[in-house]
Amino acid sequence: MIILLYGQDDYSSRGKLKEMVEQYKANKTGLDLKYVSSTDFSDLISENQQNSIFNEKKLLVVSNAFSDKNFKERFLKSYADLAKSQNIIVFLEDKLAANDAALKIFKKYGKCQEFAPLSGDKLKKWARGKFSAFKANISPGALNKLLESSDGDLWFLDNEIKKLSAYKGERPVEEKDIELLVKGKIETDIFKTIDAIALKNRKVALILLHKHIDKGESPLYLLSMINFQFRNLLVVKDLMEKGKPYYALAKLTKLHPFVVKKSYESAQRFSYPELKKIYQKIFQADLFIKTGKLSQEEALDMLISEI
């Protein structure tokens, strides 16, 4: 059996996979869970054909493999054999066009479920459901402010809802609580700044940072955020170059899935040497501030202009 879980809402697709794993683990016949990290189609075939030690049915998980041209070509030629397998092969794909040949195969011969990003009333309903699960409440104004800060990212919202629920207990979450505890908009803009840096668009990067400075944010705080994010990018990029799959990054880095997701997306825009060079410049900017060579704002401007 072949199953496709796809769409930009990778929070929900991973949640569905977890649900499937728990369901099959509860099965008396047992389940041998395997993650196929390579985009070499031969590795999938080998794992599918290899018998489990305990003769258990396998659940094979393959992540974002269809972006590899060779993998997709071989899949399109071999899907019939995979569909007849006694094992369950789950393909996770974050991006797949509506007219993709692989998607048509799953619709005809397998099973597929799309996870589109939540927005509007659906996103509000999802968030309220999460608060209810923690036996917490949130005012309409606070909910709107929280969702505005999230950019629709469910990984981020899941983390913030847990934090807010623990902080407030049985008391309703108010707008002032969002302002006090949620830094999502700044983090989102820092990633936008990082993307602007990757595209060599220093003007946009400076504009984004100065918007926060104009609102009263400390340049030193912004520098610390940039430092934190680029340190994460270095860690994630190093694991990517070692061939570690996306699904394993959160466990290996011990970072929140929201941070892993954003770092993974940004890390693809840089080479590892580029990230090391930028990280050294961040250290230099911090040193200039601490030694009084430059003011906080001057050091931040220098960092962006020299990258």
Protein backbone atom coordinates (compact mmCIF):
# COMPACT_ATOMS: atom_id res chain seq x y z
CA MET A 1 0.00 0.00 0.00
CA ILE A 2 1.27 3.47 -0.83
CA ILE A 3 0.02 6.59 0.97
CA LEU A 4 0.79 10.24 0.29
CA LEU A 5 0.51 12.97 2.93
CA TYR A 6 1.24 16.29 1.30
CA GLY A 7 0.81 20.06 1.58
CA GLN A 8 2.37 23.13 3.14
CA ASP A 9 0.83 22.41 6.56
CA ASP A 10 3.58 20.03 7.65
CA TYR A 11 2.45 20.31 11.28
CA SER A 12 -0.79 18.52 10.44
CA SER A 13 0.77 16.04 8.03
CA ARG A 14 3.34 15.02 10.67
CA GLY A 15 0.52 14.78 13.17
CA LYS A 16 -1.33 12.44 10.83
CA LEU A 17 1.79 10.31 10.44
CA LYS A 18 2.17 10.10 14.23
CA GLU A 19 -1.47 9.03 14.46
CA MET A 20 -0.85 6.27 11.88
CA VAL A 21 2.24 5.04 13.71
CA GLU A 22 0.37 4.84 17.02
CA GLN A 23 -2.50 3.04 15.33
CA TYR A 24 -0.25 0.37 13.83
CA LYS A 25 1.81 0.01 17.01
CA ALA A 26 -1.40 -0.93 18.79
CA ASN A 27 -2.01 -3.68 16.24
CA LYS A 28 -1.33 -7.12 17.71
CA THR A 29 0.62 -8.19 14.63
CA GLY A 30 3.23 -5.55 15.41
CA LEU A 31 4.91 -3.01 13.19
CA ASP A 32 8.46 -2.40 12.06
CA LEU A 33 8.84 1.36 11.56
CA LYS A 34 11.60 2.50 9.19
CA TYR A 35 12.54 5.96 7.91
CA VAL A 36 14.13 5.96 4.47
CA SER A 37 16.42 8.99 4.63
CA SER A 38 18.07 8.62 1.23
CA THR A 39 16.61 9.93 -2.05
CA ASP A 40 18.20 6.94 -3.78
CA PHE A 41 15.20 4.91 -4.98
CA SER A 42 17.23 1.70 -4.67
CA ASP A 43 17.35 2.17 -0.89
CA LEU A 44 13.56 2.23 -0.76
CA ILE A 45 13.28 -0.91 -2.89
CA SER A 46 15.87 -2.70 -0.75
CA GLU A 47 14.12 -1.75 2.49
CA ASN A 48 10.75 -2.77 1.09
CA GLN A 49 11.98 -6.18 -0.04
CA GLN A 50 14.03 -6.97 3.05
CA ASN A 51 12.14 -9.15 5.56
CA SER A 52 11.79 -8.01 9.15
CA ILE A 53 13.52 -10.15 11.80
CA PHE A 54 10.16 -10.83 13.43
CA ASN A 55 8.31 -11.09 10.11
CA GLU A 56 6.36 -7.93 10.95
CA LYS A 57 4.67 -5.64 8.49
CA LYS A 58 6.78 -2.57 7.83
CA LEU A 59 5.75 1.06 7.84
CA LEU A 60 8.25 2.84 5.61
CA VAL A 61 8.36 6.65 5.70
CA VAL A 62 9.93 8.64 2.88
CA SER A 63 10.24 12.45 3.22
CA ASN A 64 10.34 14.99 0.37
CA ALA A 65 11.87 12.57 -2.13
CA PHE A 66 9.90 13.65 -5.20
CA SER A 67 11.97 16.83 -5.50
CA ASP A 68 14.73 14.49 -6.70
CA LYS A 69 14.22 13.98 -10.44
CA ASN A 70 15.78 10.48 -10.56
CA PHE A 71 13.74 9.28 -7.59
CA LYS A 72 10.49 10.48 -9.14
CA GLU A 73 11.29 8.91 -12.53
CA ARG A 74 11.95 5.52 -10.96
CA PHE A 75 8.88 5.80 -8.77
CA LEU A 76 6.66 6.46 -11.80
CA LYS A 77 8.00 3.29 -13.40
CA SER A 78 7.68 1.12 -10.28
CA TYR A 79 4.59 2.40 -8.47
CA ALA A 80 2.54 -0.70 -9.35
CA ASP A 81 4.92 -3.02 -7.49
CA LEU A 82 5.05 -0.68 -4.50
CA ALA A 83 1.26 -0.45 -4.38
CA LYS A 84 1.04 -4.28 -4.19
CA SER A 85 3.53 -4.49 -1.32
CA GLN A 86 2.35 -5.98 1.99
CA ASN A 87 4.17 -3.11 3.64
CA ILE A 88 2.76 0.39 4.09
CA ILE A 89 4.86 3.07 2.40
CA VAL A 90 4.07 6.64 3.43
CA PHE A 91 5.41 9.53 1.36
CA LEU A 92 5.58 12.93 3.07
CA GLU A 93 5.76 15.86 0.66
CA ASP A 94 5.64 19.55 1.63
CA LYS A 95 5.39 20.82 -1.95
CA LEU A 96 3.58 19.04 -4.75
CA ALA A 97 1.83 20.71 -7.69
CA ALA A 98 -1.81 19.85 -8.41
CA ASN A 99 -0.85 18.42 -11.82
CA ASP A 100 2.15 16.45 -10.57
CA ALA A 101 2.40 12.98 -12.15
CA ALA A 102 3.18 11.37 -8.79
CA LEU A 103 0.06 12.87 -7.22
CA LYS A 104 -2.08 11.42 -10.03
CA ILE A 105 -0.63 7.98 -9.28
CA PHE A 106 -1.62 8.16 -5.62
CA LYS A 107 -5.13 9.33 -6.46
CA LYS A 108 -5.55 6.36 -8.81
CA TYR A 109 -3.66 3.52 -7.11
CA GLY A 110 -3.03 4.54 -3.53
CA LYS A 111 -4.32 6.92 -0.90
CA CYS A 112 -3.56 10.60 -0.46
CA GLN A 113 -4.48 13.43 1.86
CA GLU A 114 -3.70 17.10 1.35
CA PHE A 115 -2.86 19.44 4.24
CA ALA A 116 -3.39 23.00 3.06
CA PRO A 117 -2.41 25.92 5.34
CA LEU A 118 -5.16 26.99 7.73
CA SER A 119 -6.39 30.58 7.65
CA GLY A 120 -9.33 32.72 8.71
CA ASP A 121 -12.07 31.02 10.73
CA LYS A 122 -10.48 27.57 10.31
CA LEU A 123 -7.26 28.79 11.93
CA LYS A 124 -9.21 30.45 14.76
CA LYS A 125 -11.16 27.25 15.36
CA TRP A 126 -7.94 25.21 15.43
CA ALA A 127 -6.32 27.61 17.92
CA ARG A 128 -9.37 27.67 20.21
CA GLY A 129 -9.39 23.87 20.13
CA LYS A 130 -5.77 23.83 21.26
CA PHE A 131 -6.53 26.20 24.15
CA SER A 132 -9.49 24.02 25.14
CA ALA A 133 -7.25 20.95 25.16
CA PHE A 134 -5.15 22.70 27.83
CA LYS A 135 -8.34 23.79 29.66
CA ALA A 136 -7.53 27.42 28.91
CA ASN A 137 -9.45 30.35 27.41
CA ILE A 138 -8.43 33.33 25.30
CA SER A 139 -10.25 36.59 24.57
CA PRO A 140 -11.18 37.38 20.94
CA GLY A 141 -8.78 40.33 20.85
CA ALA A 142 -5.91 38.26 22.25
CA LEU A 143 -6.60 35.46 19.77
CA ASN A 144 -6.46 37.90 16.85
CA LYS A 145 -3.17 39.34 18.12
CA LEU A 146 -1.70 35.86 18.59
CA LEU A 147 -2.68 34.78 15.08
CA GLU A 148 -1.25 37.99 13.60
CA SER A 149 2.09 37.18 15.22
CA SER A 150 2.11 33.59 13.97
CA ASP A 151 2.15 34.07 10.21
CA GLY A 152 -0.14 31.00 10.15
CA ASP A 153 2.60 28.66 11.40
CA LEU A 154 1.02 25.87 13.45
CA TRP A 155 4.35 24.73 14.94
CA PHE A 156 4.80 28.22 16.36
CA LEU A 157 1.20 28.48 17.55
CA ASP A 158 1.34 25.08 19.25
CA ASN A 159 4.38 26.20 21.25
CA GLU A 160 2.92 29.61 22.16
CA ILE A 161 -0.46 28.16 23.17
CA LYS A 162 1.25 25.71 25.52
CA LYS A 163 3.27 28.56 27.04
CA LEU A 164 0.29 30.91 27.42
CA SER A 165 -1.93 28.19 28.88
CA ALA A 166 0.67 27.26 31.49
CA TYR A 167 1.21 30.93 32.36
CA LYS A 168 -2.47 31.86 32.77
CA GLY A 169 -3.93 28.67 34.20
CA GLU A 170 -7.69 29.09 34.52
CA ARG A 171 -7.59 32.85 33.82
CA PRO A 172 -8.38 33.96 30.25
CA VAL A 173 -5.43 34.97 28.07
CA GLU A 174 -5.65 38.73 27.36
CA GLU A 175 -4.02 40.98 24.78
CA LYS A 176 -1.46 42.20 27.33
CA ASP A 177 -0.32 38.58 27.80
CA ILE A 178 0.35 38.27 24.07
CA GLU A 179 2.35 41.51 24.13
CA LEU A 180 4.33 40.30 27.14
CA LEU A 181 5.07 36.71 26.14
CA VAL A 182 4.81 36.32 22.37
CA LYS A 183 7.74 37.49 20.27
CA GLY A 184 6.56 35.81 17.10
CA LYS A 185 6.46 38.85 14.85
CA ILE A 186 10.04 39.74 15.64
CA GLU A 187 11.19 36.16 15.02
CA THR A 188 9.26 36.04 11.76
CA ASP A 189 10.86 39.28 10.58
CA ILE A 190 14.30 38.04 11.61
CA PHE A 191 13.81 35.11 9.24
CA LYS A 192 12.68 37.57 6.58
CA THR A 193 15.87 39.51 7.25
CA ILE A 194 17.92 36.33 6.91
CA ASP A 195 16.24 35.59 3.58
CA ALA A 196 17.02 39.15 2.44
CA ILE A 197 20.67 38.61 3.44
CA ALA A 198 20.75 35.35 1.47
CA LEU A 199 19.44 37.20 -1.58
CA LYS A 200 22.12 39.90 -1.07
CA ASN A 201 19.35 42.47 -0.57
CA ARG A 202 20.96 44.57 2.16
CA LYS A 203 18.46 47.39 1.68
CA VAL A 204 15.48 45.21 2.58
CA ALA A 205 17.36 43.66 5.52
CA LEU A 206 18.16 47.10 6.94
CA ILE A 207 14.59 48.32 6.46
CA LEU A 208 13.19 45.31 8.31
CA LEU A 209 15.58 45.76 11.24
CA HIS A 210 15.09 49.54 11.50
CA LYS A 211 11.33 49.05 11.67
CA HIS A 212 11.90 47.29 14.99
CA ILE A 213 14.37 49.91 16.16
CA ASP A 214 11.84 52.64 15.37
CA LYS A 215 9.30 50.76 17.49
CA GLY A 216 11.70 50.82 20.44
CA GLU A 217 13.37 47.42 20.12
CA SER A 218 16.97 47.33 21.29
CA PRO A 219 19.56 46.87 18.48
CA LEU A 220 21.47 44.60 20.89
CA TYR A 221 18.38 42.42 21.26
CA LEU A 222 17.99 42.27 17.49
CA LEU A 223 21.66 41.31 17.15
CA SER A 224 21.17 38.56 19.74
CA MET A 225 18.20 37.26 17.72
CA ILE A 226 20.27 37.24 14.53
CA ASN A 227 23.07 35.47 16.40
CA PHE A 228 20.63 32.86 17.73
CA GLN A 229 19.12 32.19 14.31
CA PHE A 230 22.43 31.93 12.46
CA ARG A 231 23.78 29.58 15.14
CA ASN A 232 20.74 27.39 14.49
CA LEU A 233 21.32 27.65 10.74
CA LEU A 234 24.90 26.42 11.18
CA VAL A 235 23.77 23.43 13.23
CA VAL A 236 20.97 22.54 10.81
CA LYS A 237 23.15 23.06 7.72
CA ASP A 238 25.87 20.83 9.17
CA LEU A 239 23.35 18.02 9.71
CA MET A 240 21.89 18.54 6.23
CA GLU A 241 25.33 18.17 4.66
CA LYS A 242 25.85 14.99 6.65
CA GLY A 243 22.73 13.59 4.99
CA LYS A 244 20.44 13.74 8.02
CA PRO A 245 16.75 13.79 6.99
CA TYR A 246 14.40 16.66 7.84
CA TYR A 247 12.24 14.59 10.21
CA ALA A 248 15.29 13.85 12.43
CA LEU A 249 16.48 17.44 12.84
CA ALA A 250 14.28 18.40 15.80
CA LYS A 251 15.46 15.40 17.81
CA LEU A 252 19.13 15.86 16.87
CA THR A 253 19.23 19.62 17.49
CA LYS A 254 16.78 19.64 20.43
CA LEU A 255 15.22 22.74 18.84
CA HIS A 256 11.49 23.38 18.69
CA PRO A 257 9.94 22.15 15.40
CA PHE A 258 8.96 25.75 14.55
CA VAL A 259 12.61 26.83 14.72
CA VAL A 260 13.74 23.72 12.84
CA LYS A 261 11.23 24.36 10.04
CA LYS A 262 12.28 27.99 9.57
CA SER A 263 15.99 27.17 9.89
CA TYR A 264 15.71 24.32 7.38
CA GLU A 265 14.05 26.62 4.83
CA SER A 266 16.64 29.38 5.31
CA ALA A 267 19.66 27.04 5.44
CA GLN A 268 18.98 25.94 1.87
CA ARG A 269 19.77 29.47 0.71
CA PHE A 270 23.33 29.39 2.12
CA SER A 271 26.46 27.30 1.73
CA TYR A 272 28.11 26.10 4.93
CA PRO A 273 31.21 28.35 4.42
CA GLU A 274 28.90 31.36 3.92
CA LEU A 275 27.17 30.67 7.22
CA LYS A 276 30.49 30.34 9.07
CA LYS A 277 31.68 33.65 7.62
CA ILE A 278 28.47 35.44 8.64
CA TYR A 279 28.60 33.96 12.13
CA GLN A 280 32.15 35.32 12.54
CA LYS A 281 30.94 38.79 11.50
CA ILE A 282 28.15 38.61 14.10
CA PHE A 283 30.77 37.86 16.75
CA GLN A 284 32.84 40.82 15.52
CA ALA A 285 29.83 43.18 15.69
CA ASP A 286 29.11 42.05 19.25
CA LEU A 287 32.76 42.61 20.17
CA PHE A 288 32.72 46.15 18.75
CA ILE A 289 29.70 46.97 20.93
CA LYS A 290 31.23 45.54 24.10
CA THR A 291 34.55 47.33 23.56
CA GLY A 292 32.83 50.64 22.75
CA LYS A 293 34.20 50.80 19.21
CA LEU A 294 30.70 51.21 17.78
CA SER A 295 27.24 51.95 19.13
CA GLN A 296 24.67 49.15 19.04
CA GLU A 297 22.89 50.59 16.01
CA GLU A 298 26.16 51.28 14.16
CA ALA A 299 27.35 47.72 14.76
CA LEU A 300 24.06 46.31 13.48
CA ASP A 301 24.22 48.48 10.34
CA MET A 302 27.87 47.48 9.77
CA LEU A 303 26.99 43.79 10.07
CA ILE A 304 24.26 43.97 7.44
CA SER A 305 26.27 46.15 5.06
CA GLU A 306 29.30 43.81 5.16
CA ILE A 307 27.46 40.54 4.65
